[in-house]
């Protein structure tokens, strides 16, 4: 509800969002409103709503990304213990992943810009939480896909290729880091395309991904860092397992998304 006079004050006060005119509006209307237009232009209302939706969506993606990544780490350690397959990750390796490969992409998601689909969506119900039941299902689903991929290559490394436990830890460390870095590109809105959306248009996502990859390369090639994280030098086959585990989740998730879209169009 918009208003500018004294008699308009009750309506903006009772509305979900009250808007007052800042130039010609009364002081009473401005005090009663939630939003004050400094230029008295209704176009500014549209821009404000658009920016608000962008901020809300960025917060939502930020939370989904971090919860998915942290849940994956919990699943990897828990399922490995239940299946008695050894310890795939060391505590310091988990801490490093949380500090580096999780934080920077999440921060990049928090500064994403507007996409063309947000203003076409219905308003978000203020009574509902930021993360709804459907989002929780996605979080668990994404985490399970990454977990199965990482534990799969860990099992192959130890049981099929005969690598040592230390080499298995190293493969799991890099495989989990890579899968989480690439996972950020799955968080675009459903209307976009994988190669052209608000995520790929966000330069900070690319910068964060490049920075994390450089840091991971540093942990492998710098002896001091490699010693601290208890990482081992790997052969070509082991590096192939890391690339496999890192790319399988994004391929699976995108395939399921594409199949779901086709199914919805058919019905």
C-alpha atoms as a PDB file:
ATOM      1  CA  UNK A   1       0.000   0.000   0.000  1.00  0.00           C
ATOM      2  CA  UNK A   2       1.273   3.459  -0.935  1.00  0.00           C
ATOM      3  CA  UNK A   3       0.295   6.818   0.548  1.00  0.00           C
ATOM      4  CA  UNK A   4       1.501  10.361   1.085  1.00  0.00           C
ATOM      5  CA  UNK A   5      -0.993  12.137   3.348  1.00  0.00           C
ATOM      6  CA  UNK A   6      -1.958  12.044   6.998  1.00  0.00           C
ATOM      7  CA  UNK A   7      -5.204  10.254   6.177  1.00  0.00           C
ATOM      8  CA  UNK A   8      -3.220   7.552   4.324  1.00  0.00           C
ATOM      9  CA  UNK A   9      -1.134   6.595   7.364  1.00  0.00           C
ATOM     10  CA  UNK A  10      -3.423   3.837   8.751  1.00  0.00           C
ATOM     11  CA  UNK A  11      -3.392   1.889   5.458  1.00  0.00           C
ATOM     12  CA  UNK A  12       0.427   1.617   5.038  1.00  0.00           C
ATOM     13  CA  UNK A  13       0.697   0.767   8.737  1.00  0.00           C
ATOM     14  CA  UNK A  14      -1.711  -2.176   8.376  1.00  0.00           C
ATOM     15  CA  UNK A  15      -0.294  -3.376   5.031  1.00  0.00           C
ATOM     16  CA  UNK A  16       2.350  -6.090   4.724  1.00  0.00           C
ATOM     17  CA  UNK A  17       4.604  -3.434   3.209  1.00  0.00           C
ATOM     18  CA  UNK A  18       3.642   0.209   3.581  1.00  0.00           C
ATOM     19  CA  UNK A  19       5.229   2.688   1.144  1.00  0.00           C
ATOM     20  CA  UNK A  20       5.284   6.468   1.635  1.00  0.00           C
ATOM     21  CA  UNK A  21       6.331   9.311  -0.654  1.00  0.00           C
ATOM     22  CA  UNK A  22       9.492  10.948   0.627  1.00  0.00           C
ATOM     23  CA  UNK A  23       9.291  14.247  -1.318  1.00  0.00           C
ATOM     24  CA  UNK A  24       5.692  15.364  -1.055  1.00  0.00           C
ATOM     25  CA  UNK A  25       4.511  12.928   1.581  1.00  0.00           C
ATOM     26  CA  UNK A  26       3.701  13.885   5.147  1.00  0.00           C
ATOM     27  CA  UNK A  27       5.911  13.003   8.104  1.00  0.00           C
ATOM     28  CA  UNK A  28       3.097  10.911   9.567  1.00  0.00           C
ATOM     29  CA  UNK A  29       2.882   8.761   6.418  1.00  0.00           C
ATOM     30  CA  UNK A  30       6.669   8.287   6.368  1.00  0.00           C
ATOM     31  CA  UNK A  31       6.745   7.179  10.005  1.00  0.00           C
ATOM     32  CA  UNK A  32       3.908   4.694   9.457  1.00  0.00           C
ATOM     33  CA  UNK A  33       5.445   3.190   6.294  1.00  0.00           C
ATOM     34  CA  UNK A  34       8.039   0.432   5.995  1.00  0.00           C
ATOM     35  CA  UNK A  35       9.571   1.936   2.857  1.00  0.00           C
ATOM     36  CA  UNK A  36      10.001   5.600   1.908  1.00  0.00           C
ATOM     37  CA  UNK A  37      10.524   6.611  -1.733  1.00  0.00           C
ATOM     38  CA  UNK A  38      13.046   9.443  -1.924  1.00  0.00           C
ATOM     39  CA  UNK A  39      12.122  10.262  -5.535  1.00  0.00           C
ATOM     40  CA  UNK A  40       8.340   9.592  -5.275  1.00  0.00           C
ATOM     41  CA  UNK A  41       8.611   7.363  -8.363  1.00  0.00           C
ATOM     42  CA  UNK A  42       6.580   4.194  -8.653  1.00  0.00           C
ATOM     43  CA  UNK A  43       9.365   2.784 -10.838  1.00  0.00           C
ATOM     44  CA  UNK A  44      11.523   2.770  -7.725  1.00  0.00           C
ATOM     45  CA  UNK A  45       9.028   0.394  -6.093  1.00  0.00           C
ATOM     46  CA  UNK A  46       9.613  -2.151  -8.860  1.00  0.00           C
ATOM     47  CA  UNK A  47      13.358  -1.739  -8.522  1.00  0.00           C
ATOM     48  CA  UNK A  48      13.184  -2.150  -4.756  1.00  0.00           C
ATOM     49  CA  UNK A  49      11.087  -5.314  -5.056  1.00  0.00           C
ATOM     50  CA  UNK A  50      13.493  -6.671  -7.652  1.00  0.00           C
ATOM     51  CA  UNK A  51      16.517  -5.983  -5.477  1.00  0.00           C
ATOM     52  CA  UNK A  52      14.781  -7.466  -2.454  1.00  0.00           C
ATOM     53  CA  UNK A  53      14.053 -10.665  -4.358  1.00  0.00           C
ATOM     54  CA  UNK A  54      17.670 -10.842  -5.506  1.00  0.00           C
ATOM     55  CA  UNK A  55      18.907 -10.523  -1.917  1.00  0.00           C
ATOM     56  CA  UNK A  56      16.427 -13.137  -0.703  1.00  0.00           C
ATOM     57  CA  UNK A  57      17.403 -15.573  -3.468  1.00  0.00           C
ATOM     58  CA  UNK A  58      21.114 -15.053  -2.794  1.00  0.00           C
ATOM     59  CA  UNK A  59      20.610 -15.801   0.903  1.00  0.00           C
ATOM     60  CA  UNK A  60      18.646 -18.913   0.006  1.00  0.00           C
ATOM     61  CA  UNK A  61      21.327 -20.191  -2.389  1.00  0.00           C
ATOM     62  CA  UNK A  62      24.029 -19.379   0.159  1.00  0.00           C
ATOM     63  CA  UNK A  63      22.292 -21.498   2.800  1.00  0.00           C
ATOM     64  CA  UNK A  64      21.489 -24.385   0.440  1.00  0.00           C
ATOM     65  CA  UNK A  65      25.086 -24.528  -0.766  1.00  0.00           C
ATOM     66  CA  UNK A  66      26.617 -24.572   2.705  1.00  0.00           C
ATOM     67  CA  UNK A  67      24.108 -27.069   4.109  1.00  0.00           C
ATOM     68  CA  UNK A  68      24.580 -29.418   1.153  1.00  0.00           C
ATOM     69  CA  UNK A  69      28.371 -29.297   1.418  1.00  0.00           C
ATOM     70  CA  UNK A  70      28.460 -29.775   5.190  1.00  0.00           C
ATOM     71  CA  UNK A  71      25.894 -32.564   5.039  1.00  0.00           C
ATOM     72  CA  UNK A  72      28.024 -34.288   2.404  1.00  0.00           C
ATOM     73  CA  UNK A  73      31.028 -34.235   4.720  1.00  0.00           C
ATOM     74  CA  UNK A  74      28.908 -35.707   7.525  1.00  0.00           C
ATOM     75  CA  UNK A  75      27.565 -38.421   5.216  1.00  0.00           C
ATOM     76  CA  UNK A  76      31.021 -39.329   3.911  1.00  0.00           C
ATOM     77  CA  UNK A  77      32.464 -39.858   7.386  1.00  0.00           C
ATOM     78  CA  UNK A  78      29.314 -41.509   8.806  1.00  0.00           C
ATOM     79  CA  UNK A  79      28.660 -43.946   5.955  1.00  0.00           C
ATOM     80  CA  UNK A  80      32.337 -44.886   5.769  1.00  0.00           C
ATOM     81  CA  UNK A  81      32.182 -45.763   9.469  1.00  0.00           C
ATOM     82  CA  UNK A  82      28.961 -47.750   9.129  1.00  0.00           C
ATOM     83  CA  UNK A  83      30.317 -49.675   6.136  1.00  0.00           C
ATOM     84  CA  UNK A  84      33.661 -50.207   7.877  1.00  0.00           C
ATOM     85  CA  UNK A  85      35.604 -48.953   4.860  1.00  0.00           C
ATOM     86  CA  UNK A  86      38.187 -47.023   6.837  1.00  0.00           C
ATOM     87  CA  UNK A  87      38.579 -43.323   7.519  1.00  0.00           C
ATOM     88  CA  UNK A  88      38.249 -41.435   4.205  1.00  0.00           C
ATOM     89  CA  UNK A  89      38.982 -37.975   5.651  1.00  0.00           C
ATOM     90  CA  UNK A  90      41.206 -36.703   8.427  1.00  0.00           C
ATOM     91  CA  UNK A  91      39.949 -33.987  10.836  1.00  0.00           C
ATOM     92  CA  UNK A  92      42.371 -31.361   9.517  1.00  0.00           C
ATOM     93  CA  UNK A  93      41.333 -32.120   5.942  1.00  0.00           C
ATOM     94  CA  UNK A  94      37.659 -31.610   6.826  1.00  0.00           C
ATOM     95  CA  UNK A  95      38.505 -28.323   8.539  1.00  0.00           C
ATOM     96  CA  UNK A  96      40.461 -27.149   5.493  1.00  0.00           C
ATOM     97  CA  UNK A  97      37.565 -27.959   3.161  1.00  0.00           C
ATOM     98  CA  UNK A  98      35.158 -26.037   5.405  1.00  0.00           C
ATOM     99  CA  UNK A  99      37.405 -22.976   5.525  1.00  0.00           C
ATOM    100  CA  UNK A 100      38.456 -22.808   1.864  1.00  0.00           C
ATOM    101  CA  UNK A 101      36.348 -24.701  -0.654  1.00  0.00           C
ATOM    102  CA  UNK A 102      33.034 -24.037   1.114  1.00  0.00           C
ATOM    103  CA  UNK A 103      33.369 -20.410   2.177  1.00  0.00           C
ATOM    104  CA  UNK A 104      34.521 -18.593  -0.960  1.00  0.00           C
ATOM    105  CA  UNK A 105      31.916 -20.015  -3.406  1.00  0.00           C
ATOM    106  CA  UNK A 106      29.199 -19.389  -0.802  1.00  0.00           C
ATOM    107  CA  UNK A 107      30.269 -15.761  -0.441  1.00  0.00           C
ATOM    108  CA  UNK A 108      30.246 -15.420  -4.235  1.00  0.00           C
ATOM    109  CA  UNK A 109      26.642 -16.670  -4.308  1.00  0.00           C
ATOM    110  CA  UNK A 110      25.761 -13.948  -1.819  1.00  0.00           C
ATOM    111  CA  UNK A 111      26.617 -11.156  -4.275  1.00  0.00           C
ATOM    112  CA  UNK A 112      24.776 -12.498  -7.315  1.00  0.00           C
ATOM    113  CA  UNK A 113      22.867 -10.040  -9.475  1.00  0.00           C
ATOM    114  CA  UNK A 114      19.317 -10.050 -10.772  1.00  0.00           C
ATOM    115  CA  UNK A 115      18.137 -12.671 -13.230  1.00  0.00           C
ATOM    116  CA  UNK A 116      15.171 -12.348 -15.573  1.00  0.00           C
ATOM    117  CA  UNK A 117      12.982 -14.880 -13.789  1.00  0.00           C
ATOM    118  CA  UNK A 118      12.663 -13.573 -10.239  1.00  0.00           C
ATOM    119  CA  UNK A 119      10.103 -10.881 -11.046  1.00  0.00           C
ATOM    120  CA  UNK A 120       7.893 -13.464 -12.774  1.00  0.00           C
ATOM    121  CA  UNK A 121       7.604 -15.568  -9.624  1.00  0.00           C
ATOM    122  CA  UNK A 122       4.821 -15.199  -7.077  1.00  0.00           C
ATOM    123  CA  UNK A 123       5.734 -13.292  -3.894  1.00  0.00           C
ATOM    124  CA  UNK A 124       7.249 -15.357  -1.132  1.00  0.00           C
ATOM    125  CA  UNK A 125       4.882 -16.024   1.752  1.00  0.00           C
ATOM    126  CA  UNK A 126       6.337 -14.088   4.729  1.00  0.00           C
ATOM    127  CA  UNK A 127       4.974 -16.774   7.068  1.00  0.00           C
ATOM    128  CA  UNK A 128       7.150 -19.436   5.458  1.00  0.00           C
ATOM    129  CA  UNK A 129      10.816 -19.964   6.278  1.00  0.00           C
ATOM    130  CA  UNK A 130      13.643 -19.186   3.885  1.00  0.00           C
ATOM    131  CA  UNK A 131      14.360 -22.897   3.434  1.00  0.00           C
ATOM    132  CA  UNK A 132      11.169 -24.831   2.708  1.00  0.00           C
ATOM    133  CA  UNK A 133      10.514 -28.589   2.649  1.00  0.00           C
ATOM    134  CA  UNK A 134      11.306 -28.820  -1.063  1.00  0.00           C
ATOM    135  CA  UNK A 135      14.656 -27.132  -0.427  1.00  0.00           C
ATOM    136  CA  UNK A 136      15.482 -29.606   2.342  1.00  0.00           C
ATOM    137  CA  UNK A 137      14.752 -32.462  -0.057  1.00  0.00           C
ATOM    138  CA  UNK A 138      17.138 -30.905  -2.572  1.00  0.00           C
ATOM    139  CA  UNK A 139      19.825 -30.472   0.069  1.00  0.00           C
ATOM    140  CA  UNK A 140      19.664 -34.136   1.097  1.00  0.00           C
ATOM    141  CA  UNK A 141      19.498 -35.253  -2.535  1.00  0.00           C
ATOM    142  CA  UNK A 142      22.518 -33.163  -3.579  1.00  0.00           C
ATOM    143  CA  UNK A 143      24.460 -34.339  -0.524  1.00  0.00           C
ATOM    144  CA  UNK A 144      23.688 -37.992  -1.227  1.00  0.00           C
ATOM    145  CA  UNK A 145      24.815 -37.728  -4.855  1.00  0.00           C
ATOM    146  CA  UNK A 146      28.132 -36.149  -3.877  1.00  0.00           C
ATOM    147  CA  UNK A 147      28.594 -38.640  -1.035  1.00  0.00           C
ATOM    148  CA  UNK A 148      28.066 -41.700  -3.250  1.00  0.00           C
ATOM    149  CA  UNK A 149      30.433 -40.303  -5.863  1.00  0.00           C
ATOM    150  CA  UNK A 150      33.219 -39.564  -3.370  1.00  0.00           C
ATOM    151  CA  UNK A 151      32.859 -42.794  -1.404  1.00  0.00           C
ATOM    152  CA  UNK A 152      32.675 -44.718  -4.672  1.00  0.00           C
ATOM    153  CA  UNK A 153      36.089 -43.573  -5.858  1.00  0.00           C
ATOM    154  CA  UNK A 154      37.491 -44.032  -2.339  1.00  0.00           C
ATOM    155  CA  UNK A 155      36.350 -47.655  -2.384  1.00  0.00           C
ATOM    156  CA  UNK A 156      37.792 -48.169  -5.872  1.00  0.00           C
ATOM    157  CA  UNK A 157      41.120 -46.678  -4.827  1.00  0.00           C
ATOM    158  CA  UNK A 158      41.483 -48.905  -1.769  1.00  0.00           C
ATOM    159  CA  UNK A 159      39.871 -52.172  -2.860  1.00  0.00           C
ATOM    160  CA  UNK A 160      40.319 -52.297  -6.636  1.00  0.00           C
ATOM    161  CA  UNK A 161      43.503 -50.344  -7.294  1.00  0.00           C
ATOM    162  CA  UNK A 162      45.282 -51.404  -4.108  1.00  0.00           C
ATOM    163  CA  UNK A 163      46.231 -47.903  -2.979  1.00  0.00           C
ATOM    164  CA  UNK A 164      47.225 -47.189   0.603  1.00  0.00           C
ATOM    165  CA  UNK A 165      44.963 -45.606   3.213  1.00  0.00           C
ATOM    166  CA  UNK A 166      46.947 -42.347   2.985  1.00  0.00           C
ATOM    167  CA  UNK A 167      46.499 -42.247  -0.787  1.00  0.00           C
ATOM    168  CA  UNK A 168      42.789 -42.962  -0.321  1.00  0.00           C
ATOM    169  CA  UNK A 169      42.543 -40.005   2.075  1.00  0.00           C
ATOM    170  CA  UNK A 170      44.230 -37.781  -0.492  1.00  0.00           C
ATOM    171  CA  UNK A 171      41.867 -38.882  -3.259  1.00  0.00           C
ATOM    172  CA  UNK A 172      38.825 -38.333  -1.030  1.00  0.00           C
ATOM    173  CA  UNK A 173      40.082 -34.900   0.023  1.00  0.00           C
ATOM    174  CA  UNK A 174      40.518 -33.629  -3.542  1.00  0.00           C
ATOM    175  CA  UNK A 175      37.447 -35.445  -4.887  1.00  0.00           C
ATOM    176  CA  UNK A 176      35.181 -33.912  -2.246  1.00  0.00           C
ATOM    177  CA  UNK A 177      36.701 -30.463  -2.741  1.00  0.00           C
ATOM    178  CA  UNK A 178      36.247 -30.622  -6.522  1.00  0.00           C
ATOM    179  CA  UNK A 179      32.676 -31.935  -6.343  1.00  0.00           C
ATOM    180  CA  UNK A 180      31.694 -29.110  -3.985  1.00  0.00           C
ATOM    181  CA  UNK A 181      33.355 -26.467  -6.159  1.00  0.00           C
ATOM    182  CA  UNK A 182      31.503 -27.664  -9.252  1.00  0.00           C
ATOM    183  CA  UNK A 183      28.276 -28.095  -7.310  1.00  0.00           C
ATOM    184  CA  UNK A 184      27.885 -24.310  -7.107  1.00  0.00           C
ATOM    185  CA  UNK A 185      26.986 -24.282 -10.820  1.00  0.00           C
ATOM    186  CA  UNK A 186      23.912 -26.418 -10.110  1.00  0.00           C
ATOM    187  CA  UNK A 187      22.281 -23.689  -8.036  1.00  0.00           C
ATOM    188  CA  UNK A 188      20.831 -21.630 -10.864  1.00  0.00           C
ATOM    189  CA  UNK A 189      17.106 -20.960 -11.132  1.00  0.00           C
ATOM    190  CA  UNK A 190      15.031 -23.595 -12.894  1.00  0.00           C
ATOM    191  CA  UNK A 191      14.288 -21.337 -15.867  1.00  0.00           C
ATOM    192  CA  UNK A 192      17.897 -20.849 -16.888  1.00  0.00           C
ATOM    193  CA  UNK A 193      20.282 -23.082 -18.792  1.00  0.00           C
ATOM    194  CA  UNK A 194      23.346 -24.725 -17.353  1.00  0.00           C
ATOM    195  CA  UNK A 195      25.738 -22.698 -19.492  1.00  0.00           C
ATOM    196  CA  UNK A 196      23.798 -19.413 -19.398  1.00  0.00           C
ATOM    197  CA  UNK A 197      22.236 -18.319 -16.119  1.00  0.00           C
ATOM    198  CA  UNK A 198      22.721 -16.013 -13.138  1.00  0.00           C
ATOM    199  CA  UNK A 199      25.432 -18.282 -11.694  1.00  0.00           C
ATOM    200  CA  UNK A 200      27.629 -18.375 -14.800  1.00  0.00           C
ATOM    201  CA  UNK A 201      27.080 -14.625 -15.209  1.00  0.00           C
ATOM    202  CA  UNK A 202      28.398 -13.995 -11.689  1.00  0.00           C
ATOM    203  CA  UNK A 203      32.086 -13.147 -12.054  1.00  0.00           C
ATOM    204  CA  UNK A 204      32.645 -13.647  -8.338  1.00  0.00           C
ATOM    205  CA  UNK A 205      31.681 -17.317  -8.651  1.00  0.00           C
ATOM    206  CA  UNK A 206      34.373 -17.797 -11.291  1.00  0.00           C
ATOM    207  CA  UNK A 207      36.919 -15.896  -9.207  1.00  0.00           C
ATOM    208  CA  UNK A 208      36.075 -17.926  -6.106  1.00  0.00           C
ATOM    209  CA  UNK A 209      36.314 -21.195  -8.046  1.00  0.00           C
ATOM    210  CA  UNK A 210      39.666 -20.218  -9.568  1.00  0.00           C
ATOM    211  CA  UNK A 211      41.012 -19.137  -6.180  1.00  0.00           C
ATOM    212  CA  UNK A 212      39.984 -22.405  -4.528  1.00  0.00           C
ATOM    213  CA  UNK A 213      41.531 -24.466  -7.342  1.00  0.00           C
ATOM    214  CA  UNK A 214      44.807 -22.554  -6.949  1.00  0.00           C
ATOM    215  CA  UNK A 215      44.751 -23.173  -3.207  1.00  0.00           C
ATOM    216  CA  UNK A 216      44.099 -26.890  -3.741  1.00  0.00           C
ATOM    217  CA  UNK A 217      46.969 -27.079  -6.225  1.00  0.00           C
ATOM    218  CA  UNK A 218      49.135 -25.365  -3.630  1.00  0.00           C
ATOM    219  CA  UNK A 219      48.282 -28.018  -1.041  1.00  0.00           C
ATOM    220  CA  UNK A 220      49.429 -30.671  -3.492  1.00  0.00           C
ATOM    221  CA  UNK A 221      52.572 -29.112  -4.933  1.00  0.00           C
ATOM    222  CA  UNK A 222      53.899 -27.243  -1.872  1.00  0.00           C
ATOM    223  CA  UNK A 223      55.617 -29.824   0.372  1.00  0.00           C
ATOM    224  CA  UNK A 224      54.959 -27.924   3.590  1.00  0.00           C
ATOM    225  CA  UNK A 225      51.201 -27.763   3.017  1.00  0.00           C
ATOM    226  CA  UNK A 226      51.132 -31.327   1.768  1.00  0.00           C
ATOM    227  CA  UNK A 227      52.827 -32.488   4.958  1.00  0.00           C
ATOM    228  CA  UNK A 228      50.423 -30.558   7.226  1.00  0.00           C
ATOM    229  CA  UNK A 229      47.364 -32.065   5.524  1.00  0.00           C
ATOM    230  CA  UNK A 230      48.992 -35.506   5.296  1.00  0.00           C
ATOM    231  CA  UNK A 231      48.532 -35.651   1.515  1.00  0.00           C
ATOM    232  CA  UNK A 232      50.353 -38.051  -0.796  1.00  0.00           C
ATOM    233  CA  UNK A 233      51.652 -37.711  -4.343  1.00  0.00           C
ATOM    234  CA  UNK A 234      49.323 -39.536  -6.720  1.00  0.00           C
ATOM    235  CA  UNK A 235      49.680 -41.315 -10.042  1.00  0.00           C
ATOM    236  CA  UNK A 236      47.662 -40.599 -13.180  1.00  0.00           C
ATOM    237  CA  UNK A 237      45.032 -43.231 -12.361  1.00  0.00           C
ATOM    238  CA  UNK A 238      44.363 -41.653  -8.972  1.00  0.00           C
ATOM    239  CA  UNK A 239      44.053 -38.193 -10.531  1.00  0.00           C
ATOM    240  CA  UNK A 240      41.519 -39.670 -12.955  1.00  0.00           C
ATOM    241  CA  UNK A 241      39.463 -40.928 -10.006  1.00  0.00           C
ATOM    242  CA  UNK A 242      39.428 -37.415  -8.544  1.00  0.00           C
ATOM    243  CA  UNK A 243      38.167 -35.908 -11.789  1.00  0.00           C
ATOM    244  CA  UNK A 244      35.571 -38.677 -12.047  1.00  0.00           C
ATOM    245  CA  UNK A 245      34.233 -38.090  -8.542  1.00  0.00           C
ATOM    246  CA  UNK A 246      34.188 -34.330  -9.066  1.00  0.00           C
ATOM    247  CA  UNK A 247      32.228 -34.392 -12.317  1.00  0.00           C
ATOM    248  CA  UNK A 248      29.785 -37.260 -11.680  1.00  0.00           C
ATOM    249  CA  UNK A 249      27.549 -35.254  -9.275  1.00  0.00           C
ATOM    250  CA  UNK A 250      27.098 -32.346 -11.652  1.00  0.00           C
ATOM    251  CA  UNK A 251      26.354 -34.731 -14.551  1.00  0.00           C
ATOM    252  CA  UNK A 252      23.825 -36.708 -12.504  1.00  0.00           C
ATOM    253  CA  UNK A 253      22.048 -33.628 -11.152  1.00  0.00           C
ATOM    254  CA  UNK A 254      21.854 -31.974 -14.567  1.00  0.00           C
ATOM    255  CA  UNK A 255      20.573 -35.168 -16.188  1.00  0.00           C
ATOM    256  CA  UNK A 256      17.833 -35.508 -13.579  1.00  0.00           C
ATOM    257  CA  UNK A 257      16.893 -31.831 -14.018  1.00  0.00           C
ATOM    258  CA  UNK A 258      16.664 -32.226 -17.786  1.00  0.00           C
ATOM    259  CA  UNK A 259      14.588 -35.406 -17.498  1.00  0.00           C
ATOM    260  CA  UNK A 260      12.262 -33.753 -14.965  1.00  0.00           C
ATOM    261  CA  UNK A 261      11.710 -30.728 -17.240  1.00  0.00           C
ATOM    262  CA  UNK A 262      10.873 -32.981 -20.200  1.00  0.00           C
ATOM    263  CA  UNK A 263       8.476 -35.038 -18.070  1.00  0.00           C
ATOM    264  CA  UNK A 264       6.668 -31.897 -16.872  1.00  0.00           C
ATOM    265  CA  UNK A 265       6.322 -30.584 -20.448  1.00  0.00           C
ATOM    266  CA  UNK A 266       4.900 -33.907 -21.615  1.00  0.00           C
ATOM    267  CA  UNK A 267       2.233 -33.785 -18.915  1.00  0.00           C
END
